[in-house]
């Protein structure tokens, strides 16, 4: 699957939802007493609610919300793992 296909799956109007979810996820990660395992559920729920608010209630909006939340979590993990890989490569040299 290439990136163009992924970009076509998410409504372009929802990039603000992805950004908001990324910020909310980061904030929750830094908040004491919030278990890490709950962050993905909170981010997904917020993404669905924001998407329904922006696009109206429909099955497509719910799916778009799930995709926006997943895209935010995936993007965060992608950058995090890239940094870890870069640090490991630097240490092995």
PDB file of N, CA and C in Angstrom:
ATOM      1  N   UNK A   1       0.857  -1.173   0.000  1.00  0.00           N
ATOM      2  CA  UNK A   1       0.000   0.000   0.000  1.00  0.00           C
ATOM      3  C   UNK A   1       0.902   1.234   0.000  1.00  0.00           C
ATOM      4  N   UNK A   2       0.659   2.148  -0.907  1.00  0.00           N
ATOM      5  CA  UNK A   2       1.479   3.356  -0.939  1.00  0.00           C
ATOM      6  C   UNK A   2       0.758   4.505  -0.229  1.00  0.00           C
ATOM      7  N   UNK A   3       1.499   5.565   0.040  1.00  0.00           N
ATOM      8  CA  UNK A   3       0.978   6.699   0.807  1.00  0.00           C
ATOM      9  C   UNK A   3      -0.156   7.416   0.096  1.00  0.00           C
ATOM     10  N   UNK A   4      -0.140   7.438  -1.234  1.00  0.00           N
ATOM     11  CA  UNK A   4      -1.235   8.085  -1.969  1.00  0.00           C
ATOM     12  C   UNK A   4      -2.572   7.417  -1.667  1.00  0.00           C
ATOM     13  N   UNK A   5      -2.566   6.105  -1.544  1.00  0.00           N
ATOM     14  CA  UNK A   5      -3.799   5.390  -1.245  1.00  0.00           C
ATOM     15  C   UNK A   5      -4.290   5.745   0.161  1.00  0.00           C
ATOM     16  N   UNK A   6      -3.358   5.849   1.111  1.00  0.00           N
ATOM     17  CA  UNK A   6      -3.732   6.205   2.483  1.00  0.00           C
ATOM     18  C   UNK A   6      -4.299   7.611   2.522  1.00  0.00           C
ATOM     19  N   UNK A   7      -3.685   8.544   1.820  1.00  0.00           N
ATOM     20  CA  UNK A   7      -4.180   9.919   1.791  1.00  0.00           C
ATOM     21  C   UNK A   7      -5.578   9.995   1.188  1.00  0.00           C
ATOM     22  N   UNK A   8      -5.887   9.093   0.273  1.00  0.00           N
ATOM     23  CA  UNK A   8      -7.206   9.085  -0.349  1.00  0.00           C
ATOM     24  C   UNK A   8      -8.266   8.497   0.578  1.00  0.00           C
ATOM     25  N   UNK A   9      -7.865   7.696   1.555  1.00  0.00           N
ATOM     26  CA  UNK A   9      -8.815   7.100   2.481  1.00  0.00           C
ATOM     27  C   UNK A   9      -9.381   8.109   3.471  1.00  0.00           C
ATOM     28  N   UNK A  10      -8.572   9.090   3.862  1.00  0.00           N
ATOM     29  CA  UNK A  10      -8.985  10.057   4.871  1.00  0.00           C
ATOM     30  C   UNK A  10      -9.411  11.346   4.183  1.00  0.00           C
ATOM     31  N   UNK A  11     -10.578  11.830   4.556  1.00  0.00           N
ATOM     32  CA  UNK A  11     -11.101  13.088   4.031  1.00  0.00           C
ATOM     33  C   UNK A  11     -10.109  14.208   4.380  1.00  0.00           C
ATOM     34  N   UNK A  12      -9.682  15.009   3.414  1.00  0.00           N
ATOM     35  CA  UNK A  12      -8.706  16.074   3.677  1.00  0.00           C
ATOM     36  C   UNK A  12      -9.152  17.063   4.759  1.00  0.00           C
ATOM     37  N   UNK A  13     -10.450  17.221   4.938  1.00  0.00           N
ATOM     38  CA  UNK A  13     -10.943  18.121   5.987  1.00  0.00           C
ATOM     39  C   UNK A  13     -10.606  17.614   7.385  1.00  0.00           C
ATOM     40  N   UNK A  14     -10.203  16.366   7.495  1.00  0.00           N
ATOM     41  CA  UNK A  14      -9.950  15.772   8.803  1.00  0.00           C
ATOM     42  C   UNK A  14      -8.493  15.846   9.241  1.00  0.00           C
ATOM     43  N   UNK A  15      -7.645  16.497   8.467  1.00  0.00           N
ATOM     44  CA  UNK A  15      -6.251  16.630   8.888  1.00  0.00           C
ATOM     45  C   UNK A  15      -6.157  17.417  10.197  1.00  0.00           C
ATOM     46  N   UNK A  16      -7.087  18.328  10.419  1.00  0.00           N
ATOM     47  CA  UNK A  16      -7.120  19.064  11.687  1.00  0.00           C
ATOM     48  C   UNK A  16      -7.484  18.115  12.831  1.00  0.00           C
ATOM     49  N   UNK A  17      -8.320  17.137  12.565  1.00  0.00           N
ATOM     50  CA  UNK A  17      -8.665  16.137  13.579  1.00  0.00           C
ATOM     51  C   UNK A  17      -7.436  15.285  13.896  1.00  0.00           C
ATOM     52  N   UNK A  18      -6.700  14.899  12.869  1.00  0.00           N
ATOM     53  CA  UNK A  18      -5.473  14.123  13.078  1.00  0.00           C
ATOM     54  C   UNK A  18      -4.500  14.919  13.944  1.00  0.00           C
ATOM     55  N   UNK A  19      -4.309  16.203  13.626  1.00  0.00           N
ATOM     56  CA  UNK A  19      -3.400  17.050  14.407  1.00  0.00           C
ATOM     57  C   UNK A  19      -3.888  17.193  15.849  1.00  0.00           C
ATOM     58  N   UNK A  20      -5.180  17.388  16.029  1.00  0.00           N
ATOM     59  CA  UNK A  20      -5.737  17.523  17.381  1.00  0.00           C
ATOM     60  C   UNK A  20      -5.541  16.229  18.170  1.00  0.00           C
ATOM     61  N   UNK A  21      -5.760  15.101  17.526  1.00  0.00           N
ATOM     62  CA  UNK A  21      -5.582  13.815  18.206  1.00  0.00           C
ATOM     63  C   UNK A  21      -4.124  13.578  18.582  1.00  0.00           C
ATOM     64  N   UNK A  22      -3.230  14.011  17.728  1.00  0.00           N
ATOM     65  CA  UNK A  22      -1.805  13.864  18.021  1.00  0.00           C
ATOM     66  C   UNK A  22      -1.445  14.667  19.276  1.00  0.00           C
ATOM     67  N   UNK A  23      -1.938  15.882  19.354  1.00  0.00           N
ATOM     68  CA  UNK A  23      -1.677  16.736  20.514  1.00  0.00           C
ATOM     69  C   UNK A  23      -2.319  16.161  21.770  1.00  0.00           C
ATOM     70  N   UNK A  24      -3.552  15.690  21.646  1.00  0.00           N
ATOM     71  CA  UNK A  24      -4.241  15.095  22.795  1.00  0.00           C
ATOM     72  C   UNK A  24      -3.509  13.845  23.266  1.00  0.00           C
ATOM     73  N   UNK A  25      -3.080  13.007  22.350  1.00  0.00           N
ATOM     74  CA  UNK A  25      -2.326  11.810  22.711  1.00  0.00           C
ATOM     75  C   UNK A  25      -1.024  12.142  23.406  1.00  0.00           C
ATOM     76  N   UNK A  26      -0.314  13.135  22.902  1.00  0.00           N
ATOM     77  CA  UNK A  26       0.942  13.568  23.527  1.00  0.00           C
ATOM     78  C   UNK A  26       0.683  14.087  24.937  1.00  0.00           C
ATOM     79  N   UNK A  27      -0.368  14.880  25.081  1.00  0.00           N
ATOM     80  CA  UNK A  27      -0.712  15.437  26.391  1.00  0.00           C
ATOM     81  C   UNK A  27      -1.079  14.320  27.367  1.00  0.00           C
ATOM     82  N   UNK A  28      -1.853  13.358  26.921  1.00  0.00           N
ATOM     83  CA  UNK A  28      -2.221  12.242  27.791  1.00  0.00           C
ATOM     84  C   UNK A  28      -1.000  11.421  28.191  1.00  0.00           C
ATOM     85  N   UNK A  29      -0.068  11.263  27.259  1.00  0.00           N
ATOM     86  CA  UNK A  29       1.154  10.500  27.549  1.00  0.00           C
ATOM     87  C   UNK A  29       1.956  11.167  28.670  1.00  0.00           C
ATOM     88  N   UNK A  30       1.945  12.485  28.702  1.00  0.00           N
ATOM     89  CA  UNK A  30       2.704  13.229  29.713  1.00  0.00           C
ATOM     90  C   UNK A  30       1.923  13.433  31.009  1.00  0.00           C
ATOM     91  N   UNK A  31       0.641  13.063  31.027  1.00  0.00           N
ATOM     92  CA  UNK A  31      -0.199  13.252  32.202  1.00  0.00           C
ATOM     93  C   UNK A  31      -0.009  12.093  33.173  1.00  0.00           C
ATOM     94  N   UNK A  32       0.334  12.403  34.431  1.00  0.00           N
ATOM     95  CA  UNK A  32       0.492  11.323  35.413  1.00  0.00           C
ATOM     96  C   UNK A  32      -0.844  10.601  35.643  1.00  0.00           C
ATOM     97  N   UNK A  33      -0.757   9.360  35.970  1.00  0.00           N
ATOM     98  CA  UNK A  33      -1.906   8.532  36.335  1.00  0.00           C
ATOM     99  C   UNK A  33      -2.827   8.202  35.162  1.00  0.00           C
ATOM    100  N   UNK A  34      -2.376   8.424  33.923  1.00  0.00           N
ATOM    101  CA  UNK A  34      -3.138   7.987  32.742  1.00  0.00           C
ATOM    102  C   UNK A  34      -2.380   6.796  32.158  1.00  0.00           C
ATOM    103  N   UNK A  35      -2.956   5.604  32.289  1.00  0.00           N
ATOM    104  CA  UNK A  35      -2.261   4.422  31.754  1.00  0.00           C
ATOM    105  C   UNK A  35      -2.075   4.517  30.238  1.00  0.00           C
ATOM    106  N   UNK A  36      -0.914   4.084  29.775  1.00  0.00           N
ATOM    107  CA  UNK A  36      -0.613   4.150  28.341  1.00  0.00           C
ATOM    108  C   UNK A  36      -1.642   3.405  27.497  1.00  0.00           C
ATOM    109  N   UNK A  37      -2.141   2.293  28.009  1.00  0.00           N
ATOM    110  CA  UNK A  37      -3.063   1.478  27.213  1.00  0.00           C
ATOM    111  C   UNK A  37      -4.384   2.198  26.954  1.00  0.00           C
ATOM    112  N   UNK A  38      -4.725   3.207  27.741  1.00  0.00           N
ATOM    113  CA  UNK A  38      -5.992   3.917  27.545  1.00  0.00           C
ATOM    114  C   UNK A  38      -5.894   5.012  26.481  1.00  0.00           C
ATOM    115  N   UNK A  39      -4.691   5.439  26.160  1.00  0.00           N
ATOM    116  CA  UNK A  39      -4.519   6.580  25.257  1.00  0.00           C
ATOM    117  C   UNK A  39      -5.119   6.312  23.891  1.00  0.00           C
ATOM    118  N   UNK A  40      -4.901   5.150  23.324  1.00  0.00           N
ATOM    119  CA  UNK A  40      -5.430   4.862  21.991  1.00  0.00           C
ATOM    120  C   UNK A  40      -6.954   4.902  21.977  1.00  0.00           C
ATOM    121  N   UNK A  41      -7.582   4.449  23.059  1.00  0.00           N
ATOM    122  CA  UNK A  41      -9.040   4.467  23.121  1.00  0.00           C
ATOM    123  C   UNK A  41      -9.581   5.886  23.242  1.00  0.00           C
ATOM    124  N   UNK A  42      -8.923   6.698  24.053  1.00  0.00           N
ATOM    125  CA  UNK A  42      -9.347   8.088  24.210  1.00  0.00           C
ATOM    126  C   UNK A  42      -9.162   8.847  22.903  1.00  0.00           C
ATOM    127  N   UNK A  43      -8.016   8.677  22.274  1.00  0.00           N
ATOM    128  CA  UNK A  43      -7.736   9.364  21.003  1.00  0.00           C
ATOM    129  C   UNK A  43      -8.742   8.943  19.932  1.00  0.00           C
ATOM    130  N   UNK A  44      -9.041   7.660  19.848  1.00  0.00           N
ATOM    131  CA  UNK A  44     -10.008   7.180  18.854  1.00  0.00           C
ATOM    132  C   UNK A  44     -11.401   7.733  19.123  1.00  0.00           C
ATOM    133  N   UNK A  45     -11.830   7.734  20.372  1.00  0.00           N
ATOM    134  CA  UNK A  45     -13.144   8.275  20.712  1.00  0.00           C
ATOM    135  C   UNK A  45     -13.237   9.758  20.382  1.00  0.00           C
ATOM    136  N   UNK A  46     -12.206  10.513  20.721  1.00  0.00           N
ATOM    137  CA  UNK A  46     -12.194  11.947  20.408  1.00  0.00           C
ATOM    138  C   UNK A  46     -12.201  12.165  18.899  1.00  0.00           C
ATOM    139  N   UNK A  47     -11.440  11.350  18.164  1.00  0.00           N
ATOM    140  CA  UNK A  47     -11.421  11.475  16.702  1.00  0.00           C
ATOM    141  C   UNK A  47     -12.810  11.216  16.117  1.00  0.00           C
ATOM    142  N   UNK A  48     -13.487  10.211  16.617  1.00  0.00           N
ATOM    143  CA  UNK A  48     -14.843   9.916  16.126  1.00  0.00           C
ATOM    144  C   UNK A  48     -15.784  11.075  16.444  1.00  0.00           C
ATOM    145  N   UNK A  49     -15.731  11.580  17.672  1.00  0.00           N
ATOM    146  CA  UNK A  49     -16.616  12.685  18.056  1.00  0.00           C
ATOM    147  C   UNK A  49     -16.350  13.940  17.224  1.00  0.00           C
ATOM    148  N   UNK A  50     -15.090  14.280  17.034  1.00  0.00           N
ATOM    149  CA  UNK A  50     -14.758  15.461  16.223  1.00  0.00           C
ATOM    150  C   UNK A  50     -15.188  15.285  14.764  1.00  0.00           C
ATOM    151  N   UNK A  51     -14.995  14.090  14.245  1.00  0.00           N
ATOM    152  CA  UNK A  51     -15.369  13.827  12.860  1.00  0.00           C
ATOM    153  C   UNK A  51     -16.879  13.906  12.678  1.00  0.00           C
ATOM    154  N   UNK A  52     -17.628  13.327  13.593  1.00  0.00           N
ATOM    155  CA  UNK A  52     -19.088  13.407  13.514  1.00  0.00           C
ATOM    156  C   UNK A  52     -19.535  14.861  13.634  1.00  0.00           C
ATOM    157  N   UNK A  53     -18.872  15.623  14.475  1.00  0.00           N
ATOM    158  CA  UNK A  53     -19.200  17.048  14.628  1.00  0.00           C
ATOM    159  C   UNK A  53     -18.934  17.819  13.326  1.00  0.00           C
ATOM    160  N   UNK A  54     -17.824  17.485  12.654  1.00  0.00           N
ATOM    161  CA  UNK A  54     -17.468  18.187  11.420  1.00  0.00           C
ATOM    162  C   UNK A  54     -18.279  17.733  10.205  1.00  0.00           C
ATOM    163  N   UNK A  55     -18.500  16.429  10.080  1.00  0.00           N
ATOM    164  CA  UNK A  55     -19.105  15.888   8.865  1.00  0.00           C
ATOM    165  C   UNK A  55     -20.560  15.470   9.030  1.00  0.00           C
ATOM    166  N   UNK A  56     -21.045  15.435  10.266  1.00  0.00           N
ATOM    167  CA  UNK A  56     -22.396  14.942  10.508  1.00  0.00           C
ATOM    168  C   UNK A  56     -22.371  13.456  10.811  1.00  0.00           C
ATOM    169  N   UNK A  57     -23.443  12.994  11.424  1.00  0.00           N
ATOM    170  CA  UNK A  57     -23.494  11.588  11.828  1.00  0.00           C
ATOM    171  C   UNK A  57     -23.838  10.692  10.645  1.00  0.00           C
ATOM    172  N   UNK A  58     -22.971   9.730  10.406  1.00  0.00           N
ATOM    173  CA  UNK A  58     -23.205   8.701   9.392  1.00  0.00           C
ATOM    174  C   UNK A  58     -22.183   7.586   9.629  1.00  0.00           C
ATOM    175  N   UNK A  59     -22.427   6.406   9.096  1.00  0.00           N
ATOM    176  CA  UNK A  59     -21.433   5.339   9.227  1.00  0.00           C
ATOM    177  C   UNK A  59     -20.076   5.742   8.638  1.00  0.00           C
ATOM    178  N   UNK A  60     -20.107   6.489   7.538  1.00  0.00           N
ATOM    179  CA  UNK A  60     -18.848   6.940   6.930  1.00  0.00           C
ATOM    180  C   UNK A  60     -18.080   7.864   7.878  1.00  0.00           C
ATOM    181  N   UNK A  61     -18.778   8.722   8.612  1.00  0.00           N
ATOM    182  CA  UNK A  61     -18.121   9.617   9.559  1.00  0.00           C
ATOM    183  C   UNK A  61     -17.446   8.834  10.678  1.00  0.00           C
ATOM    184  N   UNK A  62     -18.105   7.800  11.133  1.00  0.00           N
ATOM    185  CA  UNK A  62     -17.516   6.971  12.190  1.00  0.00           C
ATOM    186  C   UNK A  62     -16.253   6.289  11.674  1.00  0.00           C
ATOM    187  N   UNK A  63     -16.323   5.745  10.470  1.00  0.00           N
ATOM    188  CA  UNK A  63     -15.143   5.104   9.869  1.00  0.00           C
ATOM    189  C   UNK A  63     -14.033   6.125   9.656  1.00  0.00           C
ATOM    190  N   UNK A  64     -14.383   7.312   9.166  1.00  0.00           N
ATOM    191  CA  UNK A  64     -13.388   8.375   8.972  1.00  0.00           C
ATOM    192  C   UNK A  64     -12.751   8.770  10.310  1.00  0.00           C
ATOM    193  N   UNK A  65     -13.554   8.819  11.366  1.00  0.00           N
ATOM    194  CA  UNK A  65     -13.021   9.131  12.689  1.00  0.00           C
ATOM    195  C   UNK A  65     -12.040   8.084  13.173  1.00  0.00           C
ATOM    196  N   UNK A  66     -12.374   6.834  12.960  1.00  0.00           N
ATOM    197  CA  UNK A  66     -11.463   5.748  13.340  1.00  0.00           C
ATOM    198  C   UNK A  66     -10.167   5.856  12.545  1.00  0.00           C
ATOM    199  N   UNK A  67     -10.279   6.123  11.247  1.00  0.00           N
ATOM    200  CA  UNK A  67      -9.080   6.274  10.420  1.00  0.00           C
ATOM    201  C   UNK A  67      -8.233   7.462  10.860  1.00  0.00           C
ATOM    202  N   UNK A  68      -8.873   8.581  11.195  1.00  0.00           N
ATOM    203  CA  UNK A  68      -8.130   9.765  11.636  1.00  0.00           C
ATOM    204  C   UNK A  68      -7.401   9.482  12.952  1.00  0.00           C
ATOM    205  N   UNK A  69      -8.079   8.824  13.893  1.00  0.00           N
ATOM    206  CA  UNK A  69      -7.438   8.470  15.164  1.00  0.00           C
ATOM    207  C   UNK A  69      -6.288   7.503  14.958  1.00  0.00           C
ATOM    208  N   UNK A  70      -6.511   6.512  14.105  1.00  0.00           N
ATOM    209  CA  UNK A  70      -5.462   5.526  13.820  1.00  0.00           C
ATOM    210  C   UNK A  70      -4.268   6.180  13.131  1.00  0.00           C
ATOM    211  N   UNK A  71      -4.551   7.102  12.221  1.00  0.00           N
ATOM    212  CA  UNK A  71      -3.480   7.800  11.518  1.00  0.00           C
ATOM    213  C   UNK A  71      -2.635   8.627  12.492  1.00  0.00           C
ATOM    214  N   UNK A  72      -3.289   9.254  13.475  1.00  0.00           N
ATOM    215  CA  UNK A  72      -2.559  10.039  14.478  1.00  0.00           C
ATOM    216  C   UNK A  72      -1.668   9.132  15.322  1.00  0.00           C
ATOM    217  N   UNK A  73      -2.202   8.009  15.783  1.00  0.00           N
ATOM    218  CA  UNK A  73      -1.426   7.082  16.611  1.00  0.00           C
ATOM    219  C   UNK A  73      -0.291   6.469  15.795  1.00  0.00           C
ATOM    220  N   UNK A  74      -0.588   6.066  14.553  1.00  0.00           N
ATOM    221  CA  UNK A  74       0.434   5.476  13.692  1.00  0.00           C
ATOM    222  C   UNK A  74       1.550   6.478  13.411  1.00  0.00           C
ATOM    223  N   UNK A  75       1.179   7.718  13.114  1.00  0.00           N
ATOM    224  CA  UNK A  75       2.181   8.747  12.845  1.00  0.00           C
ATOM    225  C   UNK A  75       3.089   8.983  14.026  1.00  0.00           C
ATOM    226  N   UNK A  76       2.498   9.014  15.212  1.00  0.00           N
ATOM    227  CA  UNK A  76       3.287   9.190  16.428  1.00  0.00           C
ATOM    228  C   UNK A  76       4.258   8.027  16.616  1.00  0.00           C
ATOM    229  N   UNK A  77       3.778   6.805  16.453  1.00  0.00           N
ATOM    230  CA  UNK A  77       4.635   5.635  16.617  1.00  0.00           C
ATOM    231  C   UNK A  77       5.711   5.562  15.537  1.00  0.00           C
ATOM    232  N   UNK A  78       5.369   5.980  14.330  1.00  0.00           N
ATOM    233  CA  UNK A  78       6.335   5.985  13.236  1.00  0.00           C
ATOM    234  C   UNK A  78       7.529   6.874  13.581  1.00  0.00           C
ATOM    235  N   UNK A  79       7.260   8.071  14.046  1.00  0.00           N
ATOM    236  CA  UNK A  79       8.335   8.998  14.401  1.00  0.00           C
ATOM    237  C   UNK A  79       9.104   8.489  15.615  1.00  0.00           C
ATOM    238  N   UNK A  80       8.392   7.994  16.612  1.00  0.00           N
ATOM    239  CA  UNK A  80       9.034   7.480  17.824  1.00  0.00           C
ATOM    240  C   UNK A  80       9.980   6.320  17.494  1.00  0.00           C
ATOM    241  N   UNK A  81       9.520   5.373  16.693  1.00  0.00           N
ATOM    242  CA  UNK A  81      10.347   4.226  16.347  1.00  0.00           C
ATOM    243  C   UNK A  81      11.515   4.617  15.435  1.00  0.00           C
ATOM    244  N   UNK A  82      11.315   5.603  14.580  1.00  0.00           N
ATOM    245  CA  UNK A  82      12.409   6.081  13.729  1.00  0.00           C
ATOM    246  C   UNK A  82      13.517   6.691  14.580  1.00  0.00           C
ATOM    247  N   UNK A  83      13.118   7.448  15.600  1.00  0.00           N
ATOM    248  CA  UNK A  83      14.122   8.029  16.507  1.00  0.00           C
ATOM    249  C   UNK A  83      14.884   6.944  17.254  1.00  0.00           C
ATOM    250  N   UNK A  84      14.165   5.940  17.731  1.00  0.00           N
ATOM    251  CA  UNK A  84      14.816   4.838  18.450  1.00  0.00           C
ATOM    252  C   UNK A  84      15.788   4.119  17.522  1.00  0.00           C
ATOM    253  N   UNK A  85      15.363   3.867  16.295  1.00  0.00           N
ATOM    254  CA  UNK A  85      16.239   3.212  15.317  1.00  0.00           C
ATOM    255  C   UNK A  85      17.465   4.044  15.006  1.00  0.00           C
ATOM    256  N   UNK A  86      17.287   5.351  14.867  1.00  0.00           N
ATOM    257  CA  UNK A  86      18.416   6.234  14.588  1.00  0.00           C
ATOM    258  C   UNK A  86      19.390   6.257  15.763  1.00  0.00           C
ATOM    259  N   UNK A  87      18.841   6.281  16.985  1.00  0.00           N
ATOM    260  CA  UNK A  87      19.710   6.255  18.173  1.00  0.00           C
ATOM    261  C   UNK A  87      20.485   4.942  18.264  1.00  0.00           C
ATOM    262  N   UNK A  88      19.821   3.841  17.957  1.00  0.00           N
ATOM    263  CA  UNK A  88      20.485   2.523  17.997  1.00  0.00           C
ATOM    264  C   UNK A  88      21.590   2.452  16.939  1.00  0.00           C
ATOM    265  N   UNK A  89      21.316   3.005  15.752  1.00  0.00           N
ATOM    266  CA  UNK A  89      22.329   3.015  14.697  1.00  0.00           C
ATOM    267  C   UNK A  89      23.534   3.867  15.102  1.00  0.00           C
ATOM    268  N   UNK A  90      23.281   4.992  15.745  1.00  0.00           N
ATOM    269  CA  UNK A  90      24.361   5.871  16.175  1.00  0.00           C
ATOM    270  C   UNK A  90      25.211   5.207  17.256  1.00  0.00           C
ATOM    271  N   UNK A  91      24.582   4.451  18.135  1.00  0.00           N
ATOM    272  CA  UNK A  91      25.319   3.766  19.213  1.00  0.00           C
ATOM    273  C   UNK A  91      26.162   2.630  18.686  1.00  0.00           C
ATOM    274  N   UNK A  92      25.726   1.960  17.623  1.00  0.00           N
ATOM    275  CA  UNK A  92      26.453   0.816  17.100  1.00  0.00           C
ATOM    276  C   UNK A  92      27.648   1.215  16.242  1.00  0.00           C
ATOM    277  N   UNK A  93      27.735   2.478  15.873  1.00  0.00           N
ATOM    278  CA  UNK A  93      28.868   2.919  15.031  1.00  0.00           C
ATOM    279  C   UNK A  93      30.091   3.176  15.832  1.00  0.00           C
TER     280      UNK A  93
END
